[in-house]
C-alpha atoms as a PDB file:
ATOM      1  CA  MET A   1      30.798  27.425 -35.869  1.00  0.00           C
ATOM      2  CA  THR A   2      30.744  24.483 -33.678  1.00  0.00           C
ATOM      3  CA  LYS A   3      28.733  24.718 -30.625  1.00  0.00           C
ATOM      4  CA  ASP A   4      30.535  24.465 -27.243  1.00  0.00           C
ATOM      5  CA  PRO A   5      29.740  20.842 -25.782  1.00  0.00           C
ATOM      6  CA  LEU A   6      29.098  22.359 -22.358  1.00  0.00           C
ATOM      7  CA  LEU A   7      26.256  24.495 -23.975  1.00  0.00           C
ATOM      8  CA  GLU A   8      25.041  21.452 -25.815  1.00  0.00           C
ATOM      9  CA  ILE A   9      24.374  19.523 -22.386  1.00  0.00           C
ATOM     10  CA  GLN A  10      23.018  22.608 -20.773  1.00  0.00           C
ATOM     11  CA  GLU A  11      20.363  22.733 -23.531  1.00  0.00           C
ATOM     12  CA  ASN A  12      19.890  18.936 -24.637  1.00  0.00           C
ATOM     13  CA  GLY A  13      21.394  16.989 -21.655  1.00  0.00           C
ATOM     14  CA  TYR A  14      24.189  15.438 -23.669  1.00  0.00           C
ATOM     15  CA  CYS A  15      27.000  16.240 -26.190  1.00  0.00           C
ATOM     16  CA  LEU A  16      28.983  14.099 -28.640  1.00  0.00           C
ATOM     17  CA  LEU A  17      32.679  14.363 -28.973  1.00  0.00           C
ATOM     18  CA  LYS A  18      33.347  12.600 -32.717  1.00  0.00           C
ATOM     19  CA  HIS A  19      36.448  10.605 -33.381  1.00  0.00           C
ATOM     20  CA  HIS A  20      37.737  11.593 -29.984  1.00  0.00           C
ATOM     21  CA  PHE A  21      39.545   8.423 -28.435  1.00  0.00           C
ATOM     22  CA  SER A  22      41.957   6.878 -30.996  1.00  0.00           C
ATOM     23  CA  GLN A  23      40.957   3.777 -32.808  1.00  0.00           C
ATOM     24  CA  ASP A  24      44.297   2.171 -31.502  1.00  0.00           C
ATOM     25  CA  LEU A  25      43.011   2.733 -27.756  1.00  0.00           C
ATOM     26  CA  ILE A  26      39.712   1.302 -28.302  1.00  0.00           C
ATOM     27  CA  SER A  27      40.747  -1.613 -30.359  1.00  0.00           C
ATOM     28  CA  ALA A  28      43.095  -2.508 -27.508  1.00  0.00           C
ATOM     29  CA  CYS A  29      40.459  -2.202 -24.944  1.00  0.00           C
ATOM     30  CA  ARG A  30      38.091  -4.493 -26.955  1.00  0.00           C
ATOM     31  CA  GLU A  31      40.723  -7.128 -27.320  1.00  0.00           C
ATOM     32  CA  GLY A  32      41.117  -7.249 -23.707  1.00  0.00           C
ATOM     33  CA  PHE A  33      37.708  -6.902 -22.714  1.00  0.00           C
ATOM     34  CA  TRP A  34      35.883  -9.192 -25.147  1.00  0.00           C
ATOM     35  CA  PRO A  35      37.041 -12.628 -23.699  1.00  0.00           C
ATOM     36  CA  ILE A  36      35.658 -11.363 -20.394  1.00  0.00           C
ATOM     37  CA  LEU A  37      32.417 -10.300 -21.886  1.00  0.00           C
ATOM     38  CA  LEU A  38      31.759 -13.450 -23.774  1.00  0.00           C
ATOM     39  CA  ASP A  39      32.310 -15.626 -20.688  1.00  0.00           C
ATOM     40  CA  TYR A  40      30.293 -13.357 -18.538  1.00  0.00           C
ATOM     41  CA  LEU A  41      27.494 -13.960 -21.034  1.00  0.00           C
ATOM     42  CA  ASP A  42      28.205 -17.706 -21.300  1.00  0.00           C
ATOM     43  CA  ASN A  43      27.515 -17.797 -17.468  1.00  0.00           C
ATOM     44  CA  HIS A  44      24.679 -15.046 -17.203  1.00  0.00           C
ATOM     45  CA  GLY A  45      22.978 -15.223 -20.310  1.00  0.00           C
ATOM     46  CA  GLU A  46      19.829 -16.522 -18.656  1.00  0.00           C
ATOM     47  CA  ALA A  47      20.004 -14.041 -15.867  1.00  0.00           C
ATOM     48  CA  PRO A  48      20.178 -10.622 -17.474  1.00  0.00           C
ATOM     49  CA  ASN A  49      20.192  -7.784 -14.778  1.00  0.00           C
ATOM     50  CA  ARG A  50      19.076  -4.643 -17.173  1.00  0.00           C
ATOM     51  CA  GLY A  51      15.922  -6.009 -18.611  1.00  0.00           C
ATOM     52  CA  PRO A  52      15.425  -9.004 -21.250  1.00  0.00           C
ATOM     53  CA  HIS A  53      18.785  -9.725 -23.071  1.00  0.00           C
ATOM     54  CA  ARG A  54      20.322  -7.028 -21.430  1.00  0.00           C
ATOM     55  CA  HIS A  55      23.501  -7.001 -19.147  1.00  0.00           C
ATOM     56  CA  PHE A  56      25.689  -4.718 -17.276  1.00  0.00           C
ATOM     57  CA  LEU A  57      28.932  -5.855 -15.676  1.00  0.00           C
ATOM     58  CA  PRO A  58      32.048  -3.978 -14.262  1.00  0.00           C
ATOM     59  CA  VAL A  59      35.299  -3.303 -16.475  1.00  0.00           C
ATOM     60  CA  PRO A  60      38.410  -4.495 -14.626  1.00  0.00           C
ATOM     61  CA  PHE A  61      41.306  -1.977 -14.135  1.00  0.00           C
ATOM     62  CA  THR A  62      43.977  -4.433 -15.791  1.00  0.00           C
ATOM     63  CA  PRO A  63      45.664  -3.078 -19.101  1.00  0.00           C
ATOM     64  CA  PRO A  64      44.461  -3.173 -21.758  1.00  0.00           C
ATOM     65  CA  CYS A  65      40.994  -2.910 -20.402  1.00  0.00           C
ATOM     66  CA  PHE A  66      42.169   0.060 -18.452  1.00  0.00           C
ATOM     67  CA  ALA A  67      44.109   3.021 -19.745  1.00  0.00           C
ATOM     68  CA  PRO A  68      44.803   6.404 -18.292  1.00  0.00           C
ATOM     69  CA  GLU A  69      43.517   8.044 -21.447  1.00  0.00           C
ATOM     70  CA  PHE A  70      40.070   6.935 -20.638  1.00  0.00           C
ATOM     71  CA  PHE A  71      39.952   8.711 -17.327  1.00  0.00           C
ATOM     72  CA  PHE A  72      41.981  11.629 -17.669  1.00  0.00           C
ATOM     73  CA  ASP A  73      41.378  12.822 -21.180  1.00  0.00           C
ATOM     74  CA  ALA A  74      42.004  16.760 -21.120  1.00  0.00           C
ATOM     75  CA  GLU A  75      38.833  17.744 -23.229  1.00  0.00           C
ATOM     76  CA  VAL A  76      36.481  15.297 -21.336  1.00  0.00           C
ATOM     77  CA  LEU A  77      37.676  16.635 -18.132  1.00  0.00           C
ATOM     78  CA  ARG A  78      37.485  20.210 -19.256  1.00  0.00           C
ATOM     79  CA  ILE A  79      33.617  19.767 -19.986  1.00  0.00           C
ATOM     80  CA  VAL A  80      33.008  17.532 -16.777  1.00  0.00           C
ATOM     81  CA  ARG A  81      34.870  20.192 -14.672  1.00  0.00           C
ATOM     82  CA  ALA A  82      32.994  22.980 -16.244  1.00  0.00           C
ATOM     83  CA  ALA A  83      29.735  21.425 -15.477  1.00  0.00           C
ATOM     84  CA  MET A  84      30.490  20.782 -12.023  1.00  0.00           C
ATOM     85  CA  ASP A  85      33.903  21.803 -10.437  1.00  0.00           C
ATOM     86  CA  ASP A  86      37.541  21.216 -10.557  1.00  0.00           C
ATOM     87  CA  ARG A  87      37.463  18.294  -7.949  1.00  0.00           C
ATOM     88  CA  VAL A  88      35.236  15.871  -9.499  1.00  0.00           C
ATOM     89  CA  VAL A  89      36.019  12.011  -8.920  1.00  0.00           C
ATOM     90  CA  ALA A  90      35.438   9.105 -10.995  1.00  0.00           C
ATOM     91  CA  ASP A  91      33.599   6.475  -9.069  1.00  0.00           C
ATOM     92  CA  GLN A  92      31.882   3.982 -11.354  1.00  0.00           C
ATOM     93  CA  ARG A  93      32.929   2.118 -14.329  1.00  0.00           C
ATOM     94  CA  GLY A  94      31.038  -0.713 -16.315  1.00  0.00           C
ATOM     95  CA  CYS A  95      29.852  -2.105 -19.414  1.00  0.00           C
ATOM     96  CA  ASP A  96      26.208  -2.145 -21.026  1.00  0.00           C
ATOM     97  CA  ALA A  97      25.734  -5.041 -23.356  1.00  0.00           C
ATOM     98  CA  PRO A  98      22.258  -5.747 -24.975  1.00  0.00           C
ATOM     99  CA  VAL A  99      22.230  -8.801 -27.079  1.00  0.00           C
ATOM    100  CA  ARG A 100      19.960 -10.351 -29.634  1.00  0.00           C
ATOM    101  CA  GLY A 101      16.436 -10.430 -28.202  1.00  0.00           C
ATOM    102  CA  SER A 102      16.451  -7.428 -26.222  1.00  0.00           C
ATOM    103  CA  SER A 103      13.800  -4.617 -26.568  1.00  0.00           C
ATOM    104  CA  HIS A 104      13.006  -1.107 -26.161  1.00  0.00           C
ATOM    105  CA  GLN A 105      13.327  -0.150 -22.390  1.00  0.00           C
ATOM    106  CA  SER A 106      10.947   2.281 -20.935  1.00  0.00           C
ATOM    107  CA  PRO A 107      12.165   5.808 -20.832  1.00  0.00           C
ATOM    108  CA  HIS A 108      13.925   6.423 -17.587  1.00  0.00           C
ATOM    109  CA  VAL A 109      16.735   8.561 -15.586  1.00  0.00           C
ATOM    110  CA  ASP A 110      19.589   7.004 -14.063  1.00  0.00           C
ATOM    111  CA  TYR A 111      20.196   7.009 -10.354  1.00  0.00           C
ATOM    112  CA  GLN A 112      16.496   7.651  -9.737  1.00  0.00           C
ATOM    113  CA  ARG A 113      16.831   8.304  -6.185  1.00  0.00           C
ATOM    114  CA  PRO A 114      16.914  12.324  -5.937  1.00  0.00           C
ATOM    115  CA  LEU A 115      19.446  14.267  -3.825  1.00  0.00           C
ATOM    116  CA  PHE A 116      16.571  15.254  -1.530  1.00  0.00           C
ATOM    117  CA  PRO A 117      13.630  12.982  -1.206  1.00  0.00           C
ATOM    118  CA  GLU A 118      11.161  15.335   0.101  1.00  0.00           C
ATOM    119  CA  LEU A 119      11.912  17.543  -2.919  1.00  0.00           C
ATOM    120  CA  PRO A 120      12.259  15.376  -5.909  1.00  0.00           C
ATOM    121  CA  ASP A 121      11.658  17.899  -8.396  1.00  0.00           C
ATOM    122  CA  LEU A 122      14.135  20.737  -7.092  1.00  0.00           C
ATOM    123  CA  VAL A 123      16.479  22.006  -9.496  1.00  0.00           C
ATOM    124  CA  VAL A 124      19.987  21.466  -8.325  1.00  0.00           C
ATOM    125  CA  PRO A 125      23.165  22.270 -10.229  1.00  0.00           C
ATOM    126  CA  THR A 126      24.427  19.080 -11.936  1.00  0.00           C
ATOM    127  CA  TYR A 127      26.737  16.794  -9.405  1.00  0.00           C
ATOM    128  CA  MET A 128      27.295  14.015 -11.780  1.00  0.00           C
ATOM    129  CA  LEU A 129      27.894  13.233 -15.462  1.00  0.00           C
ATOM    130  CA  ILE A 130      28.168  10.008 -17.577  1.00  0.00           C
ATOM    131  CA  VAL A 131      30.775   9.513 -20.347  1.00  0.00           C
ATOM    132  CA  SER A 132      30.235   6.436 -22.745  1.00  0.00           C
ATOM    133  CA  PHE A 133      32.078   5.146 -25.579  1.00  0.00           C
ATOM    134  CA  GLY A 134      31.501   1.801 -27.785  1.00  0.00           C
ATOM    135  CA  LEU A 135      33.976  -0.948 -28.181  1.00  0.00           C
ATOM    136  CA  VAL A 136      32.192  -1.705 -31.543  1.00  0.00           C
ATOM    137  CA  PRO A 137      30.304   0.807 -33.713  1.00  0.00           C
ATOM    138  CA  VAL A 138      26.910   1.416 -32.214  1.00  0.00           C
ATOM    139  CA  THR A 139      24.258   1.602 -35.206  1.00  0.00           C
ATOM    140  CA  LEU A 140      20.564   1.865 -35.385  1.00  0.00           C
ATOM    141  CA  GLN A 141      20.637  -2.198 -35.750  1.00  0.00           C
ATOM    142  CA  ASN A 142      22.637  -3.099 -32.796  1.00  0.00           C
ATOM    143  CA  GLY A 143      20.653  -1.248 -29.956  1.00  0.00           C
ATOM    144  CA  PRO A 144      21.643   2.725 -29.592  1.00  0.00           C
ATOM    145  CA  ILE A 145      20.818   4.666 -26.535  1.00  0.00           C
ATOM    146  CA  GLU A 146      17.991   7.075 -27.284  1.00  0.00           C
ATOM    147  CA  ILE A 147      17.724  10.088 -25.410  1.00  0.00           C
ATOM    148  CA  ALA A 148      14.628  12.744 -25.098  1.00  0.00           C
ATOM    149  CA  PRO A 149      16.495  16.197 -25.672  1.00  0.00           C
ATOM    150  CA  GLY A 150      16.232  18.809 -22.873  1.00  0.00           C
ATOM    151  CA  THR A 151      14.285  16.338 -20.593  1.00  0.00           C
ATOM    152  CA  HIS A 152      16.885  16.991 -17.847  1.00  0.00           C
ATOM    153  CA  ARG A 153      15.498  20.443 -17.272  1.00  0.00           C
ATOM    154  CA  LEU A 154      11.936  19.232 -16.659  1.00  0.00           C
ATOM    155  CA  ALA A 155      10.237  17.748 -13.714  1.00  0.00           C
ATOM    156  CA  ARG A 156      10.152  14.035 -13.872  1.00  0.00           C
ATOM    157  CA  LYS A 157       6.574  13.983 -14.624  1.00  0.00           C
ATOM    158  CA  GLU A 158       6.375  16.735 -17.006  1.00  0.00           C
ATOM    159  CA  ALA A 159       9.544  14.851 -18.999  1.00  0.00           C
ATOM    160  CA  LEU A 160       7.397  11.756 -19.070  1.00  0.00           C
ATOM    161  CA  ARG A 161       4.215  13.331 -20.315  1.00  0.00           C
ATOM    162  CA  ALA A 162       6.275  14.979 -23.106  1.00  0.00           C
ATOM    163  CA  VAL A 163       7.910  11.964 -24.195  1.00  0.00           C
ATOM    164  CA  GLU A 164       4.738   9.664 -23.952  1.00  0.00           C
ATOM    165  CA  SER A 165       2.793  12.322 -26.140  1.00  0.00           C
ATOM    166  CA  SER A 166       5.637  12.462 -28.540  1.00  0.00           C
ATOM    167  CA  ASN A 167       6.085  16.387 -28.151  1.00  0.00           C
ATOM    168  CA  VAL A 168       9.804  15.393 -27.169  1.00  0.00           C
ATOM    169  CA  PRO A 169      10.927  12.609 -29.490  1.00  0.00           C
ATOM    170  CA  MET A 170      13.621  10.144 -28.485  1.00  0.00           C
ATOM    171  CA  LYS A 171      16.658  10.585 -30.504  1.00  0.00           C
ATOM    172  CA  PRO A 172      18.866   7.581 -31.372  1.00  0.00           C
ATOM    173  CA  ILE A 173      22.705   8.255 -30.697  1.00  0.00           C
ATOM    174  CA  PRO A 174      24.742   6.149 -33.126  1.00  0.00           C
ATOM    175  CA  LEU A 175      28.303   5.975 -32.088  1.00  0.00           C
ATOM    176  CA  GLU A 176      31.589   5.371 -34.491  1.00  0.00           C
ATOM    177  CA  ILE A 177      34.695   3.879 -32.731  1.00  0.00           C
ATOM    178  CA  GLY A 178      36.198   6.583 -30.857  1.00  0.00           C
ATOM    179  CA  ASP A 179      33.088   8.886 -30.347  1.00  0.00           C
ATOM    180  CA  VAL A 180      32.391   9.822 -26.913  1.00  0.00           C
ATOM    181  CA  LEU A 181      29.088  10.468 -25.397  1.00  0.00           C
ATOM    182  CA  ILE A 182      28.656  12.796 -22.335  1.00  0.00           C
ATOM    183  CA  ARG A 183      25.278  12.947 -20.739  1.00  0.00           C
ATOM    184  CA  HIS A 184      23.470  14.167 -18.110  1.00  0.00           C
ATOM    185  CA  PRO A 185      21.673  11.107 -16.153  1.00  0.00           C
ATOM    186  CA  TRP A 186      18.563  12.838 -15.896  1.00  0.00           C
ATOM    187  CA  ALA A 187      17.867  13.426 -19.378  1.00  0.00           C
ATOM    188  CA  LEU A 188      15.192  10.721 -20.130  1.00  0.00           C
ATOM    189  CA  HIS A 189      16.667   7.956 -22.259  1.00  0.00           C
ATOM    190  CA  ARG A 190      16.106   4.116 -23.061  1.00  0.00           C
ATOM    191  CA  GLY A 191      18.007   1.270 -24.487  1.00  0.00           C
ATOM    192  CA  SER A 192      16.943  -0.102 -28.037  1.00  0.00           C
ATOM    193  CA  PRO A 193      16.728  -3.419 -29.384  1.00  0.00           C
ATOM    194  CA  ASN A 194      19.838  -5.238 -30.606  1.00  0.00           C
ATOM    195  CA  LEU A 195      19.058  -6.946 -33.848  1.00  0.00           C
ATOM    196  CA  THR A 196      22.641  -8.648 -34.562  1.00  0.00           C
ATOM    197  CA  ASP A 197      24.356 -11.362 -33.153  1.00  0.00           C
ATOM    198  CA  THR A 198      27.101  -9.250 -31.755  1.00  0.00           C
ATOM    199  CA  PRO A 199      26.762  -7.834 -28.217  1.00  0.00           C
ATOM    200  CA  ARG A 200      26.593  -3.943 -28.391  1.00  0.00           C
ATOM    201  CA  ALA A 201      29.124  -3.048 -25.670  1.00  0.00           C
ATOM    202  CA  LEU A 202      29.377   0.557 -24.571  1.00  0.00           C
ATOM    203  CA  LEU A 203      31.563   1.287 -21.544  1.00  0.00           C
ATOM    204  CA  THR A 204      30.646   4.308 -19.196  1.00  0.00           C
ATOM    205  CA  ILE A 205      32.550   6.155 -16.534  1.00  0.00           C
ATOM    206  CA  ARG A 206      30.775   8.152 -14.080  1.00  0.00           C
ATOM    207  CA  TYR A 207      32.132  11.426 -12.919  1.00  0.00           C
ATOM    208  CA  ALA A 208      30.665  13.137  -9.820  1.00  0.00           C
ATOM    209  CA  ARG A 209      31.464  16.088  -7.293  1.00  0.00           C
ATOM    210  CA  ARG A 210      33.664  14.953  -4.698  1.00  0.00           C
ATOM    211  CA  TRP A 211      31.172  15.117  -1.697  1.00  0.00           C
ATOM    212  CA  TYR A 212      28.459  12.788  -3.562  1.00  0.00           C
ATOM    213  CA  ALA A 213      28.874   8.845  -2.981  1.00  0.00           C
ATOM    214  CA  ASP A 214      26.803   5.687  -3.574  1.00  0.00           C
ATOM    215  CA  ASP A 215      27.292   2.131  -4.255  1.00  0.00           C
ATOM    216  CA  SER A 216      24.496   1.763  -6.784  1.00  0.00           C
ATOM    217  CA  ARG A 217      26.534  -0.145  -9.430  1.00  0.00           C
ATOM    218  CA  GLU A 218      29.121  -3.049  -8.706  1.00  0.00           C
ATOM    219  CA  VAL A 219      32.923  -1.981  -9.486  1.00  0.00           C
ATOM    220  CA  CYS A 220      36.058  -3.761 -10.016  1.00  0.00           C
ATOM    221  CA  SER A 221      38.986  -3.106  -7.626  1.00  0.00           C
ATOM    222  CA  ILE A 222      42.043  -1.440  -8.951  1.00  0.00           C
ATOM    223  CA  PRO A 223      45.382  -3.600  -8.862  1.00  0.00           C
ATOM    224  CA  ARG A 224      47.796  -2.393  -6.758  1.00  0.00           C
ATOM    225  CA  THR A 225      50.467  -2.121  -9.466  1.00  0.00           C
ATOM    226  CA  VAL A 226      47.930  -0.092 -11.576  1.00  0.00           C
ATOM    227  CA  TRP A 227      47.438   2.154  -8.958  1.00  0.00           C
ATOM    228  CA  ASP A 228      51.091   2.717  -8.174  1.00  0.00           C
ATOM    229  CA  SER A 229      51.693   3.631 -11.879  1.00  0.00           C
ATOM    230  CA  LEU A 230      49.403   6.604 -11.625  1.00  0.00           C
ATOM    231  CA  LYS A 231      50.263  10.227 -11.027  1.00  0.00           C
ATOM    232  CA  SER A 232      48.984  11.569  -7.590  1.00  0.00           C
ATOM    233  CA  GLU A 233      46.854  14.030  -9.087  1.00  0.00           C
ATOM    234  CA  HIS A 234      45.094  11.167 -11.001  1.00  0.00           C
ATOM    235  CA  GLN A 235      45.017   8.927  -7.833  1.00  0.00           C
ATOM    236  CA  SER A 236      43.121  11.713  -6.109  1.00  0.00           C
ATOM    237  CA  MET A 237      40.346  11.591  -8.953  1.00  0.00           C
ATOM    238  CA  MET A 238      39.874   7.809  -8.494  1.00  0.00           C
ATOM    239  CA  ARG A 239      37.113   6.601  -6.072  1.00  0.00           C
ATOM    240  CA  TYR A 240      37.526   2.620  -6.492  1.00  0.00           C
ATOM    241  CA  PRO A 241      38.716   0.231  -3.974  1.00  0.00           C
ATOM    242  CA  ILE A 242      42.203  -1.076  -4.208  1.00  0.00           C
ATOM    243  CA  SER A 243      43.106  -4.700  -4.592  1.00  0.00           C
ATOM    244  CA  PRO A 244      44.417  -5.810  -1.182  1.00  0.00           C
ATOM    245  CA  GLU A 245      48.312  -6.105  -1.128  1.00  0.00           C
ATOM    246  CA  GLN A 246      49.731  -9.568  -1.162  1.00  0.00           C
ATOM    247  CA  SER A 247      52.333 -10.235   1.668  1.00  0.00           C
ATOM    248  CA  ARG A 248      55.241 -12.804   1.070  1.00  0.00           C
ATOM    249  CA  SER A 249      53.569 -15.390   3.156  1.00  0.00           C
ATOM    250  CA  GLY A 250      50.643 -15.361   0.511  1.00  0.00           C
ATOM    251  CA  GLU A 251      48.366 -13.414   3.044  1.00  0.00           C
ATOM    252  CA  PHE A 252      46.040 -10.301   1.988  1.00  0.00           C
ATOM    253  CA  VAL A 253      46.570  -7.257   3.948  1.00  0.00           C
ATOM    254  CA  GLU A 254      44.237  -4.063   3.603  1.00  0.00           C
ATOM    255  CA  SER A 255      45.038  -1.069   1.770  1.00  0.00           C
ATOM    256  CA  ASP A 256      45.698   2.103   3.490  1.00  0.00           C
ATOM    257  CA  THR A 257      45.308   4.108   0.029  1.00  0.00           C
ATOM    258  CA  PRO A 258      42.947   7.232   0.828  1.00  0.00           C
ATOM    259  CA  ALA A 259      41.167   7.085  -2.366  1.00  0.00           C
ATOM    260  CA  SER A 260      39.724   3.883  -1.871  1.00  0.00           C
ATOM    261  CA  PRO A 261      36.659   4.187   0.634  1.00  0.00           C
ATOM    262  CA  LEU A 262      34.006   1.396   1.362  1.00  0.00           C
ATOM    263  CA  ARG A 263      33.039   0.308  -2.006  1.00  0.00           C
ATOM    264  CA  ARG A 264      31.307  -2.956  -3.573  1.00  0.00           C
ATOM    265  CA  SER A 265      33.743  -4.737  -5.550  1.00  0.00           C
ATOM    266  CA  SER A 266      32.949  -7.979  -7.593  1.00  0.00           C
ATOM    267  CA  GLY A 267      30.610  -9.024  -4.961  1.00  0.00           C
ATOM    268  CA  THR A 268      32.982  -8.368  -1.979  1.00  0.00           C
ATOM    269  CA  ILE A 269      32.613  -5.241   0.369  1.00  0.00           C
ATOM    270  CA  HIS A 270      36.197  -3.863   0.678  1.00  0.00           C
ATOM    271  CA  ARG A 271      36.758  -2.023   3.963  1.00  0.00           C
ATOM    272  CA  PRO A 272      40.291  -0.539   4.047  1.00  0.00           C
ATOM    273  CA  ARG A 273      41.256   1.012   7.285  1.00  0.00           C
ATOM    274  CA  CYS A 274      41.161   4.500   5.985  1.00  0.00           C
ATOM    275  CA  ALA A 275      37.368   4.287   5.179  1.00  0.00           C
ATOM    276  CA  GLU A 276      36.001   5.852   7.948  1.00  0.00           C
ATOM    277  CA  SER A 277      38.457   9.033   7.719  1.00  0.00           C
ATOM    278  CA  HIS A 278      37.840   9.000   4.201  1.00  0.00           C
ATOM    279  CA  TYR A 279      34.031   9.420   4.538  1.00  0.00           C
ATOM    280  CA  GLY A 280      34.590  12.044   7.180  1.00  0.00           C
ATOM    281  CA  ARG A 281      36.582  13.982   4.572  1.00  0.00           C
ATOM    282  CA  ILE A 282      33.494  13.397   2.290  1.00  0.00           C
ATOM    283  CA  LYS A 283      31.063  14.779   4.952  1.00  0.00           C
ATOM    284  CA  ARG A 284      33.200  17.704   5.561  1.00  0.00           C
ATOM    285  CA  ALA A 285      33.600  18.441   1.875  1.00  0.00           C
ATOM    286  CA  LEU A 286      29.687  18.168   1.689  1.00  0.00           C
ATOM    287  CA  VAL A 287      29.253  21.036   4.213  1.00  0.00           C
ATOM    288  CA  VAL A 288      31.386  23.198   2.037  1.00  0.00           C
ATOM    289  CA  ASP A 289      30.227  22.252  -1.221  1.00  0.00           C
ATOM    290  CA  PHE A 290      26.591  22.649  -0.501  1.00  0.00           C
ATOM    291  CA  ALA A 291      27.207  26.070   0.259  1.00  0.00           C
ATOM    292  CA  ASP A 292      28.778  26.613  -3.129  1.00  0.00           C
ATOM    293  CA  LEU A 293      25.805  24.285  -4.688  1.00  0.00           C
ATOM    294  CA  PHE A 294      23.205  26.935  -3.822  1.00  0.00           C
ATOM    295  CA  ALA A 295      25.343  30.107  -4.205  1.00  0.00           C
ATOM    296  CA  PRO A 296      24.079  32.786  -6.897  1.00  0.00           C
ATOM    297  CA  ASN A 297      27.007  31.888  -9.148  1.00  0.00           C
ATOM    298  CA  ALA A 298      26.774  28.097  -8.848  1.00  0.00           C
ATOM    299  CA  LYS A 299      27.170  26.240 -12.249  1.00  0.00           C
ATOM    300  CA  SER A 300      23.945  24.454 -13.270  1.00  0.00           C
ATOM    301  CA  VAL A 301      23.508  22.201 -16.401  1.00  0.00           C
END
């Protein structure tokens, strides 16, 4: 009997949905994004931002790079919502791309700033998960992510000692086209070397509880036409800036879209008029959700 993916996340810190996204969907995304990736590497190849020969860049929300199926897949959302709650939002999206010359990263966690700095090892229920899929097959030769299973349940120093002593081995996670990896950001992991001449493009989406917000990653804006094409229930899940509208005179005006709070986008800080009231709603939700966070029946992964 196949183990429930949620139980796998609880136990190992990650789960894998095999052949989940359609190959046609991935192929269309790759065809749209590949020229953007190659252009980025041409211009930034000597300035890696994730270690030697290892790059991160935001992914645009223009089709075919963007498709609703990537964000609103029923099974992915079932798992993410079961691990957190029904009001999760997607707030980060990017591509990790090591190239030839990259090396093993040190084992690390994502989003290293703890929720409560004075209690860094406090065990709290999950408030974010990372969903990833490859635009190319991820093999042992082109730099798969390696994860130390179960280390999301250990104190940080204890987890590092377990990995350094090899009591918990780092496990490479190859991905076929269409495979979807859902992982806990506090499971120790690292990138491995890409020994090929093709960038290993891994796209990621972060889902978080609605009250949580940070600007730790650069993101692209959602074009107004794409935003308007989304269902209202999908708009409510998307915490990304909306591209300014262009008036007939050619001037740009600010967006009033409630789902576009202050965010960093392609080097520009977007400040829609609704930003302050939106964060007011986040603060109010924070008070309510923290009560749920520490409730006896709170979900914890």
